[in-house]
Amino acid sequence: MVAALGLLGVRRSRLGQRPDQRVRLERVLVHARVWAAVHGHLAVPREVQQDGFPLGAWLFGQRNRAKQRARQGEPPSPHLQELVAIDPWWNPPWDLHWQRNYYRARDRMRAVRRTDAAGDLPVGKNALGKWVKRQCTLYDTLHPDQQRLLAAIGITAEAAWARVAPRARASRWHRDAAENHPFE
């Protein structure tokens, strides 16, 4: 009978279906909401605990399960939509390290609150500045959604070029000058 209904081989998510599991899921989601309210995202490092709950490890497991289901052509578990409601980028298609750095840059841009976003880009010798510079350099190769996220904080293709180009132009000028006017 199960085969006649075409249900063989279909794995279903049970998380949240049984009352005891639903209660546990609600508790976990409370931890996720608290973290997101404080930090503005769910790009939680694996070792992080929220009020004693291993939120980072739990999210790590959820990301792995979601990717596994996607590889197998299965739809996402229904409870994952609740995480999407908290943070649409809780499980980005790119590296989570990129997402964490994006949030750091976003928070930096919010802190300075100036109108000249390109001038406020933290391009420098610290880790965040190096990350921003790399995004500016690689802007055209980023995922379109990464470009949209960066644009939301003022890092557009134009701002990226304005930030990277002056140095590149200066380097070319020095190189050309050295080639055309060798020192004697």
N, C-alpha and C. Protein backbone atom coordinates (compact mmCIF):
# COMPACT_ATOMS: atom_id res chain seq x y z
N MET A 1 0.82 -1.19 0.00
CA MET A 1 0.00 0.00 0.00
C MET A 1 0.87 1.26 0.00
N VAL A 2 1.94 1.28 0.82
CA VAL A 2 2.83 2.44 0.86
C VAL A 2 3.45 2.65 -0.51
N ALA A 3 3.87 1.55 -1.17
CA ALA A 3 4.46 1.66 -2.50
C ALA A 3 3.43 2.18 -3.49
N ALA A 4 2.19 1.75 -3.36
CA ALA A 4 1.14 2.20 -4.28
C ALA A 4 0.91 3.70 -4.17
N LEU A 5 1.13 4.25 -3.01
CA LEU A 5 0.95 5.69 -2.82
C LEU A 5 2.18 6.48 -3.25
N GLY A 6 3.25 5.76 -3.61
CA GLY A 6 4.46 6.44 -4.05
C GLY A 6 5.25 7.06 -2.92
N LEU A 7 5.16 6.50 -1.74
CA LEU A 7 5.82 7.09 -0.58
C LEU A 7 7.14 6.42 -0.24
N LEU A 8 7.54 5.41 -1.00
CA LEU A 8 8.82 4.78 -0.72
C LEU A 8 9.95 5.73 -1.08
N GLY A 9 10.96 5.76 -0.28
CA GLY A 9 12.14 6.58 -0.55
C GLY A 9 11.96 8.04 -0.21
N VAL A 10 10.83 8.44 0.26
CA VAL A 10 10.62 9.84 0.63
C VAL A 10 10.88 9.99 2.11
N ARG A 11 11.86 10.79 2.44
CA ARG A 11 12.17 11.05 3.84
C ARG A 11 11.44 12.31 4.26
N ARG A 12 10.84 12.28 5.38
CA ARG A 12 10.12 13.45 5.85
C ARG A 12 10.76 13.95 7.15
N SER A 13 10.73 15.24 7.31
CA SER A 13 11.25 15.82 8.54
C SER A 13 10.21 15.61 9.63
N ARG A 14 10.66 15.09 10.74
CA ARG A 14 9.74 14.88 11.85
C ARG A 14 9.91 15.94 12.93
N LEU A 15 10.96 16.74 12.80
CA LEU A 15 11.21 17.74 13.82
C LEU A 15 10.03 18.69 13.90
N GLY A 16 9.46 18.81 15.04
CA GLY A 16 8.35 19.72 15.23
C GLY A 16 6.99 19.09 15.02
N GLN A 17 6.95 17.82 14.60
CA GLN A 17 5.65 17.20 14.37
C GLN A 17 5.08 16.59 15.65
N ARG A 18 5.93 15.95 16.43
CA ARG A 18 5.45 15.42 17.70
C ARG A 18 5.42 16.56 18.71
N PRO A 19 4.46 16.54 19.62
CA PRO A 19 4.37 17.64 20.60
C PRO A 19 5.65 17.88 21.39
N ASP A 20 6.34 16.80 21.81
CA ASP A 20 7.56 16.99 22.58
C ASP A 20 8.67 17.59 21.72
N GLN A 21 8.71 17.22 20.43
CA GLN A 21 9.71 17.79 19.54
C GLN A 21 9.39 19.25 19.22
N ARG A 22 8.12 19.55 19.10
CA ARG A 22 7.72 20.93 18.80
C ARG A 22 8.11 21.85 19.96
N VAL A 23 7.92 21.37 21.18
CA VAL A 23 8.30 22.16 22.36
C VAL A 23 9.80 22.41 22.35
N ARG A 24 10.59 21.36 22.05
CA ARG A 24 12.05 21.52 21.99
C ARG A 24 12.42 22.50 20.88
N LEU A 25 11.80 22.38 19.72
CA LEU A 25 12.10 23.29 18.62
C LEU A 25 11.77 24.73 19.02
N GLU A 26 10.67 24.94 19.69
CA GLU A 26 10.31 26.29 20.13
C GLU A 26 11.36 26.86 21.08
N ARG A 27 11.88 26.01 21.97
CA ARG A 27 12.94 26.47 22.89
C ARG A 27 14.19 26.86 22.12
N VAL A 28 14.55 26.04 21.14
CA VAL A 28 15.73 26.33 20.33
C VAL A 28 15.52 27.64 19.56
N LEU A 29 14.34 27.82 19.01
CA LEU A 29 14.05 29.04 18.25
C LEU A 29 14.09 30.28 19.14
N VAL A 30 13.73 30.13 20.40
CA VAL A 30 13.86 31.25 21.34
C VAL A 30 15.32 31.65 21.46
N HIS A 31 16.21 30.66 21.60
CA HIS A 31 17.65 30.96 21.67
C HIS A 31 18.11 31.65 20.39
N ALA A 32 17.64 31.16 19.25
CA ALA A 32 18.03 31.76 17.97
C ALA A 32 17.53 33.20 17.87
N ARG A 33 16.30 33.43 18.30
CA ARG A 33 15.75 34.80 18.23
C ARG A 33 16.50 35.75 19.16
N VAL A 34 16.86 35.28 20.33
CA VAL A 34 17.62 36.12 21.27
C VAL A 34 18.97 36.47 20.67
N TRP A 35 19.67 35.47 20.13
CA TRP A 35 20.97 35.73 19.51
C TRP A 35 20.81 36.75 18.37
N ALA A 36 19.82 36.53 17.51
CA ALA A 36 19.62 37.43 16.37
C ALA A 36 19.24 38.83 16.83
N ALA A 37 18.48 38.94 17.90
CA ALA A 37 18.10 40.26 18.40
C ALA A 37 19.32 41.04 18.89
N VAL A 38 20.27 40.34 19.47
CA VAL A 38 21.48 40.99 19.99
C VAL A 38 22.49 41.24 18.87
N HIS A 39 22.68 40.26 17.99
CA HIS A 39 23.75 40.32 17.00
C HIS A 39 23.29 40.67 15.59
N GLY A 40 21.99 40.57 15.33
CA GLY A 40 21.47 40.93 14.02
C GLY A 40 21.63 39.86 12.96
N HIS A 41 21.91 38.63 13.35
CA HIS A 41 22.09 37.55 12.37
C HIS A 41 22.14 36.20 13.07
N LEU A 42 22.18 35.14 12.25
CA LEU A 42 22.35 33.79 12.78
C LEU A 42 23.61 33.13 12.23
N ALA A 43 24.60 33.91 11.87
CA ALA A 43 25.89 33.36 11.42
C ALA A 43 26.72 33.05 12.67
N VAL A 44 26.19 32.18 13.48
CA VAL A 44 26.75 31.88 14.80
C VAL A 44 27.93 30.91 14.67
N PRO A 45 29.08 31.23 15.25
CA PRO A 45 30.18 30.26 15.25
C PRO A 45 29.78 28.98 15.97
N ARG A 46 30.34 27.87 15.53
CA ARG A 46 29.93 26.56 16.04
C ARG A 46 30.08 26.43 17.55
N GLU A 47 31.08 27.05 18.14
CA GLU A 47 31.34 26.86 19.57
C GLU A 47 30.47 27.74 20.48
N VAL A 48 29.64 28.59 19.92
CA VAL A 48 28.85 29.54 20.71
C VAL A 48 27.68 28.87 21.41
N GLN A 49 27.50 29.25 22.67
CA GLN A 49 26.33 28.82 23.44
C GLN A 49 25.50 30.06 23.76
N GLN A 50 24.20 29.91 23.68
CA GLN A 50 23.28 30.98 24.02
C GLN A 50 22.52 30.55 25.26
N ASP A 51 22.78 31.19 26.37
CA ASP A 51 22.15 30.84 27.66
C ASP A 51 22.30 29.34 27.96
N GLY A 52 23.49 28.81 27.72
CA GLY A 52 23.77 27.41 28.02
C GLY A 52 23.38 26.44 26.92
N PHE A 53 22.68 26.89 25.91
CA PHE A 53 22.29 26.01 24.80
C PHE A 53 23.33 26.11 23.69
N PRO A 54 23.79 24.97 23.14
CA PRO A 54 24.81 25.00 22.08
C PRO A 54 24.22 25.44 20.73
N LEU A 55 23.87 26.71 20.65
CA LEU A 55 23.20 27.23 19.46
C LEU A 55 24.07 27.10 18.21
N GLY A 56 25.35 27.42 18.34
CA GLY A 56 26.24 27.32 17.18
C GLY A 56 26.32 25.91 16.63
N ALA A 57 26.45 24.94 17.51
CA ALA A 57 26.52 23.53 17.08
C ALA A 57 25.19 23.10 16.47
N TRP A 58 24.08 23.53 17.05
CA TRP A 58 22.77 23.17 16.52
C TRP A 58 22.58 23.75 15.13
N LEU A 59 22.91 25.03 14.93
CA LEU A 59 22.78 25.64 13.61
C LEU A 59 23.72 24.98 12.60
N PHE A 60 24.92 24.62 13.05
CA PHE A 60 25.86 23.91 12.18
C PHE A 60 25.22 22.62 11.67
N GLY A 61 24.61 21.88 12.58
CA GLY A 61 23.93 20.64 12.20
C GLY A 61 22.76 20.89 11.25
N GLN A 62 22.01 21.95 11.50
CA GLN A 62 20.88 22.28 10.63
C GLN A 62 21.35 22.64 9.22
N ARG A 63 22.45 23.39 9.16
CA ARG A 63 23.01 23.75 7.84
C ARG A 63 23.45 22.50 7.09
N ASN A 64 24.12 21.61 7.79
CA ASN A 64 24.57 20.37 7.14
C ASN A 64 23.40 19.54 6.66
N ARG A 65 22.35 19.42 7.48
CA ARG A 65 21.18 18.66 7.07
C ARG A 65 20.49 19.30 5.87
N ALA A 66 20.40 20.62 5.89
CA ALA A 66 19.76 21.33 4.77
C ALA A 66 20.55 21.10 3.47
N LYS A 67 21.86 21.16 3.55
CA LYS A 67 22.69 20.93 2.36
C LYS A 67 22.58 19.49 1.88
N GLN A 68 22.52 18.56 2.83
CA GLN A 68 22.38 17.15 2.46
C GLN A 68 21.05 16.92 1.76
N ARG A 69 19.99 17.48 2.29
CA ARG A 69 18.67 17.34 1.67
C ARG A 69 18.67 17.95 0.27
N ALA A 70 19.32 19.09 0.11
CA ALA A 70 19.38 19.74 -1.20
C ALA A 70 20.15 18.86 -2.19
N ARG A 71 21.28 18.28 -1.75
CA ARG A 71 22.06 17.39 -2.62
C ARG A 71 21.25 16.18 -3.06
N GLN A 72 20.38 15.71 -2.19
CA GLN A 72 19.57 14.53 -2.49
C GLN A 72 18.28 14.90 -3.23
N GLY A 73 18.11 16.18 -3.52
CA GLY A 73 16.93 16.62 -4.25
C GLY A 73 15.67 16.66 -3.42
N GLU A 74 15.83 16.67 -2.11
CA GLU A 74 14.68 16.71 -1.21
C GLU A 74 14.35 18.15 -0.85
N PRO A 75 13.08 18.42 -0.58
CA PRO A 75 12.72 19.78 -0.17
C PRO A 75 13.25 20.08 1.23
N PRO A 76 13.43 21.36 1.55
CA PRO A 76 13.91 21.70 2.89
C PRO A 76 12.89 21.29 3.96
N SER A 77 13.39 21.01 5.13
CA SER A 77 12.51 20.69 6.26
C SER A 77 11.64 21.90 6.56
N PRO A 78 10.38 21.69 6.89
CA PRO A 78 9.48 22.82 7.17
C PRO A 78 9.97 23.74 8.28
N HIS A 79 10.62 23.18 9.30
CA HIS A 79 11.05 24.03 10.41
C HIS A 79 12.14 25.01 10.01
N LEU A 80 12.81 24.76 8.89
CA LEU A 80 13.87 25.67 8.46
C LEU A 80 13.31 27.03 8.05
N GLN A 81 12.06 27.05 7.64
CA GLN A 81 11.44 28.33 7.29
C GLN A 81 11.36 29.25 8.50
N GLU A 82 11.29 28.67 9.66
CA GLU A 82 11.27 29.49 10.87
C GLU A 82 12.62 30.15 11.09
N LEU A 83 13.70 29.48 10.70
CA LEU A 83 15.03 30.09 10.78
C LEU A 83 15.17 31.18 9.71
N VAL A 84 14.62 30.94 8.54
CA VAL A 84 14.65 31.95 7.47
C VAL A 84 13.90 33.20 7.92
N ALA A 85 12.83 33.02 8.67
CA ALA A 85 12.08 34.18 9.17
C ALA A 85 12.91 35.00 10.16
N ILE A 86 13.80 34.35 10.88
CA ILE A 86 14.67 35.05 11.83
C ILE A 86 15.81 35.73 11.08
N ASP A 87 16.44 35.01 10.17
CA ASP A 87 17.56 35.54 9.38
C ASP A 87 17.53 34.87 8.01
N PRO A 88 17.17 35.61 6.97
CA PRO A 88 17.10 35.01 5.63
C PRO A 88 18.42 34.40 5.17
N TRP A 89 19.52 34.86 5.74
CA TRP A 89 20.84 34.36 5.34
C TRP A 89 21.46 33.45 6.39
N TRP A 90 20.64 32.74 7.15
CA TRP A 90 21.16 31.83 8.18
C TRP A 90 21.96 30.69 7.54
N ASN A 91 21.65 30.35 6.29
CA ASN A 91 22.33 29.25 5.59
C ASN A 91 22.65 29.69 4.17
N PRO A 92 23.60 30.60 4.01
CA PRO A 92 23.88 31.13 2.67
C PRO A 92 24.54 30.10 1.76
N PRO A 93 24.41 30.28 0.44
CA PRO A 93 25.05 29.34 -0.48
C PRO A 93 26.56 29.51 -0.55
N TRP A 94 27.09 30.54 0.09
CA TRP A 94 28.53 30.76 0.13
C TRP A 94 29.04 30.46 1.53
N ASP A 95 30.32 30.62 1.71
CA ASP A 95 30.99 30.32 2.97
C ASP A 95 30.44 31.17 4.11
N LEU A 96 30.21 30.55 5.26
CA LEU A 96 29.67 31.27 6.42
C LEU A 96 30.66 32.31 6.94
N HIS A 97 31.94 32.07 6.74
CA HIS A 97 32.96 33.05 7.13
C HIS A 97 32.73 34.37 6.38
N TRP A 98 32.38 34.28 5.09
CA TRP A 98 32.07 35.48 4.31
C TRP A 98 30.89 36.21 4.96
N GLN A 99 29.88 35.45 5.34
CA GLN A 99 28.67 36.05 5.91
C GLN A 99 28.98 36.76 7.22
N ARG A 100 29.81 36.16 8.05
CA ARG A 100 30.18 36.81 9.32
C ARG A 100 30.92 38.12 9.07
N ASN A 101 31.83 38.10 8.12
CA ASN A 101 32.56 39.33 7.79
C ASN A 101 31.63 40.38 7.20
N TYR A 102 30.67 39.95 6.41
CA TYR A 102 29.68 40.90 5.89
C TYR A 102 28.95 41.58 7.05
N TYR A 103 28.53 40.80 8.03
CA TYR A 103 27.82 41.39 9.17
C TYR A 103 28.71 42.36 9.94
N ARG A 104 29.99 42.05 10.06
CA ARG A 104 30.91 42.99 10.71
C ARG A 104 30.99 44.30 9.92
N ALA A 105 31.10 44.19 8.61
CA ALA A 105 31.15 45.39 7.76
C ALA A 105 29.84 46.15 7.84
N ARG A 106 28.72 45.44 7.83
CA ARG A 106 27.40 46.08 7.94
C ARG A 106 27.30 46.86 9.25
N ASP A 107 27.72 46.23 10.33
CA ASP A 107 27.64 46.90 11.63
C ASP A 107 28.56 48.12 11.68
N ARG A 108 29.71 48.02 11.06
CA ARG A 108 30.65 49.16 10.98
C ARG A 108 30.02 50.32 10.21
N MET A 109 29.39 49.98 9.08
CA MET A 109 28.76 51.02 8.25
C MET A 109 27.59 51.67 9.01
N ARG A 110 26.85 50.88 9.74
CA ARG A 110 25.74 51.45 10.52
C ARG A 110 26.27 52.37 11.62
N ALA A 111 27.42 52.03 12.17
CA ALA A 111 27.99 52.82 13.26
C ALA A 111 28.44 54.19 12.77
N VAL A 112 28.99 54.29 11.56
CA VAL A 112 29.48 55.58 11.08
C VAL A 112 28.37 56.45 10.52
N ARG A 113 27.35 55.86 9.95
CA ARG A 113 26.14 56.56 9.47
C ARG A 113 26.43 57.85 8.71
N ARG A 114 27.28 57.77 7.75
CA ARG A 114 27.53 58.94 6.90
C ARG A 114 26.88 58.73 5.55
N THR A 115 26.79 59.80 4.79
CA THR A 115 26.18 59.69 3.47
C THR A 115 27.17 59.20 2.43
N ASP A 116 28.45 59.45 2.62
CA ASP A 116 29.47 59.01 1.68
C ASP A 116 29.91 57.60 2.05
N ALA A 117 29.14 56.62 1.59
CA ALA A 117 29.41 55.24 1.97
C ALA A 117 30.78 54.78 1.50
N ALA A 118 31.16 55.13 0.28
CA ALA A 118 32.45 54.66 -0.25
C ALA A 118 33.59 55.19 0.61
N GLY A 119 33.47 56.41 1.09
CA GLY A 119 34.51 56.99 1.93
C GLY A 119 34.59 56.35 3.30
N ASP A 120 33.51 55.71 3.73
CA ASP A 120 33.48 55.08 5.04
C ASP A 120 33.85 53.61 5.02
N LEU A 121 34.12 53.08 3.84
CA LEU A 121 34.50 51.67 3.78
C LEU A 121 35.77 51.46 4.59
N PRO A 122 35.75 50.50 5.48
CA PRO A 122 36.93 50.29 6.32
C PRO A 122 38.03 49.52 5.59
N VAL A 123 38.64 50.15 4.58
CA VAL A 123 39.72 49.50 3.85
C VAL A 123 41.02 49.87 4.52
N GLY A 124 41.70 48.91 5.07
CA GLY A 124 42.93 49.20 5.78
C GLY A 124 43.69 47.95 6.12
N LYS A 125 44.48 48.04 7.16
CA LYS A 125 45.36 46.93 7.51
C LYS A 125 44.73 45.95 8.50
N ASN A 126 43.60 46.32 9.11
CA ASN A 126 42.98 45.37 10.03
C ASN A 126 42.23 44.29 9.23
N ALA A 127 41.77 43.26 9.91
CA ALA A 127 41.14 42.12 9.23
C ALA A 127 39.91 42.53 8.45
N LEU A 128 39.06 43.38 9.03
CA LEU A 128 37.86 43.81 8.33
C LEU A 128 38.22 44.64 7.11
N GLY A 129 39.18 45.53 7.25
CA GLY A 129 39.61 46.34 6.11
C GLY A 129 40.15 45.50 4.97
N LYS A 130 40.91 44.47 5.31
CA LYS A 130 41.43 43.57 4.28
C LYS A 130 40.29 42.82 3.60
N TRP A 131 39.30 42.41 4.39
CA TRP A 131 38.16 41.70 3.82
C TRP A 131 37.39 42.61 2.87
N VAL A 132 37.14 43.84 3.28
CA VAL A 132 36.41 44.78 2.42
C VAL A 132 37.19 45.02 1.13
N LYS A 133 38.48 45.21 1.26
CA LYS A 133 39.30 45.44 0.06
C LYS A 133 39.21 44.24 -0.88
N ARG A 134 39.23 43.06 -0.32
CA ARG A 134 39.12 41.85 -1.15
C ARG A 134 37.77 41.80 -1.86
N GLN A 135 36.71 42.19 -1.17
CA GLN A 135 35.39 42.19 -1.80
C GLN A 135 35.35 43.20 -2.94
N CYS A 136 35.99 44.34 -2.72
CA CYS A 136 36.06 45.36 -3.78
C CYS A 136 36.83 44.83 -4.98
N THR A 137 37.92 44.15 -4.72
CA THR A 137 38.75 43.61 -5.79
C THR A 137 38.03 42.51 -6.56
N LEU A 138 37.30 41.66 -5.84
CA LEU A 138 36.63 40.51 -6.46
C LEU A 138 35.15 40.74 -6.74
N TYR A 139 34.69 41.97 -6.65
CA TYR A 139 33.26 42.28 -6.69
C TYR A 139 32.54 41.60 -7.85
N ASP A 140 33.12 41.66 -9.04
CA ASP A 140 32.45 41.11 -10.22
C ASP A 140 32.33 39.59 -10.18
N THR A 141 33.11 38.93 -9.34
CA THR A 141 33.06 37.46 -9.27
C THR A 141 32.15 36.96 -8.15
N LEU A 142 31.63 37.87 -7.34
CA LEU A 142 30.77 37.46 -6.22
C LEU A 142 29.41 37.01 -6.72
N HIS A 143 28.75 36.19 -5.92
CA HIS A 143 27.38 35.76 -6.17
C HIS A 143 26.50 37.02 -6.24
N PRO A 144 25.52 37.06 -7.13
CA PRO A 144 24.66 38.25 -7.21
C PRO A 144 24.02 38.64 -5.87
N ASP A 145 23.67 37.66 -5.04
CA ASP A 145 23.11 38.00 -3.73
C ASP A 145 24.15 38.61 -2.81
N GLN A 146 25.41 38.18 -2.94
CA GLN A 146 26.48 38.81 -2.16
C GLN A 146 26.63 40.27 -2.61
N GLN A 147 26.57 40.51 -3.90
CA GLN A 147 26.66 41.88 -4.41
C GLN A 147 25.51 42.73 -3.88
N ARG A 148 24.30 42.15 -3.83
CA ARG A 148 23.15 42.89 -3.29
C ARG A 148 23.33 43.21 -1.81
N LEU A 149 23.84 42.24 -1.05
CA LEU A 149 24.09 42.50 0.37
C LEU A 149 25.11 43.62 0.54
N LEU A 150 26.19 43.56 -0.23
CA LEU A 150 27.21 44.61 -0.14
C LEU A 150 26.64 45.96 -0.57
N ALA A 151 25.83 45.97 -1.62
CA ALA A 151 25.23 47.23 -2.08
C ALA A 151 24.35 47.84 -1.00
N ALA A 152 23.71 47.00 -0.21
CA ALA A 152 22.84 47.51 0.86
C ALA A 152 23.62 48.28 1.92
N ILE A 153 24.93 48.04 2.02
CA ILE A 153 25.76 48.78 2.99
C ILE A 153 26.70 49.76 2.29
N GLY A 154 26.44 50.01 1.02
CA GLY A 154 27.21 51.03 0.31
C GLY A 154 28.39 50.52 -0.50
N ILE A 155 28.59 49.23 -0.55
CA ILE A 155 29.68 48.69 -1.35
C ILE A 155 29.09 48.23 -2.68
N THR A 156 29.04 49.14 -3.62
CA THR A 156 28.54 48.85 -4.96
C THR A 156 29.73 48.63 -5.89
N ALA A 157 29.45 48.26 -7.11
CA ALA A 157 30.54 48.09 -8.09
C ALA A 157 31.30 49.41 -8.24
N GLU A 158 30.56 50.52 -8.28
CA GLU A 158 31.19 51.84 -8.43
C GLU A 158 32.03 52.19 -7.20
N ALA A 159 31.49 51.94 -6.02
CA ALA A 159 32.23 52.23 -4.79
C ALA A 159 33.46 51.33 -4.69
N ALA A 160 33.30 50.08 -5.10
CA ALA A 160 34.43 49.15 -5.06
C ALA A 160 35.53 49.64 -6.00
N TRP A 161 35.15 50.04 -7.21
CA TRP A 161 36.14 50.54 -8.17
C TRP A 161 36.80 51.81 -7.64
N ALA A 162 36.01 52.69 -7.07
CA ALA A 162 36.57 53.95 -6.54
C ALA A 162 37.56 53.66 -5.42
N ARG A 163 37.31 52.61 -4.66
CA ARG A 163 38.16 52.30 -3.52
C ARG A 163 39.44 51.59 -3.94
N VAL A 164 39.34 50.73 -4.96
CA VAL A 164 40.48 49.94 -5.39
C VAL A 164 41.27 50.66 -6.48
N ALA A 165 40.58 51.36 -7.35
CA ALA A 165 41.21 51.95 -8.54
C ALA A 165 42.30 52.98 -8.25
N PRO A 166 42.15 53.90 -7.28
CA PRO A 166 43.21 54.90 -7.10
C PRO A 166 44.58 54.27 -6.87
N ARG A 167 44.64 53.25 -6.06
CA ARG A 167 45.92 52.59 -5.82
C ARG A 167 46.42 51.89 -7.07
N ALA A 168 45.48 51.23 -7.76
CA ALA A 168 45.86 50.52 -8.98
C ALA A 168 46.38 51.52 -10.01
N ARG A 169 45.70 52.68 -10.13
CA ARG A 169 46.15 53.71 -11.07
C ARG A 169 47.52 54.24 -10.67
N ALA A 170 47.71 54.48 -9.38
CA ALA A 170 49.00 54.99 -8.90
C ALA A 170 50.11 53.97 -9.17
N SER A 171 49.84 52.71 -8.94
CA SER A 171 50.85 51.68 -9.19
C SER A 171 51.21 51.64 -10.66
N ARG A 172 50.20 51.72 -11.55
CA ARG A 172 50.48 51.73 -12.98
C ARG A 172 51.31 52.95 -13.37
N TRP A 173 50.99 54.11 -12.78
CA TRP A 173 51.72 55.34 -13.11
C TRP A 173 53.19 55.19 -12.72
N HIS A 174 53.43 54.67 -11.52
CA HIS A 174 54.81 54.48 -11.06
C HIS A 174 55.55 53.47 -11.94
N ARG A 175 54.86 52.39 -12.32
CA ARG A 175 55.48 51.37 -13.17
C ARG A 175 55.80 51.96 -14.54
N ASP A 176 54.82 52.68 -15.12
CA ASP A 176 55.05 53.30 -16.43
C ASP A 176 56.16 54.33 -16.36
N ALA A 177 56.18 55.11 -15.29
CA ALA A 177 57.22 56.14 -15.15
C ALA A 177 58.60 55.48 -15.06
N ALA A 178 58.68 54.39 -14.33
CA ALA A 178 59.97 53.70 -14.19
C ALA A 178 60.42 53.10 -15.52
N GLU A 179 59.46 52.59 -16.31
CA GLU A 179 59.82 52.00 -17.59
C GLU A 179 60.22 53.06 -18.62
N ASN A 180 59.52 54.18 -18.61
CA ASN A 180 59.76 55.22 -19.61
C ASN A 180 60.90 56.16 -19.24
N HIS A 181 61.19 56.29 -17.97
CA HIS A 181 62.26 57.18 -17.52
C HIS A 181 63.16 56.45 -16.54
N PRO A 182 63.97 55.53 -17.05
CA PRO A 182 64.83 54.79 -16.12
C PRO A 182 65.83 55.71 -15.45
N PHE A 183 66.10 55.36 -14.21
CA PHE A 183 67.08 56.16 -13.47
C PHE A 183 68.47 55.85 -13.99
N GLU A 184 69.33 56.88 -14.04
CA GLU A 184 70.68 56.69 -14.58
C GLU A 184 71.68 56.47 -13.52
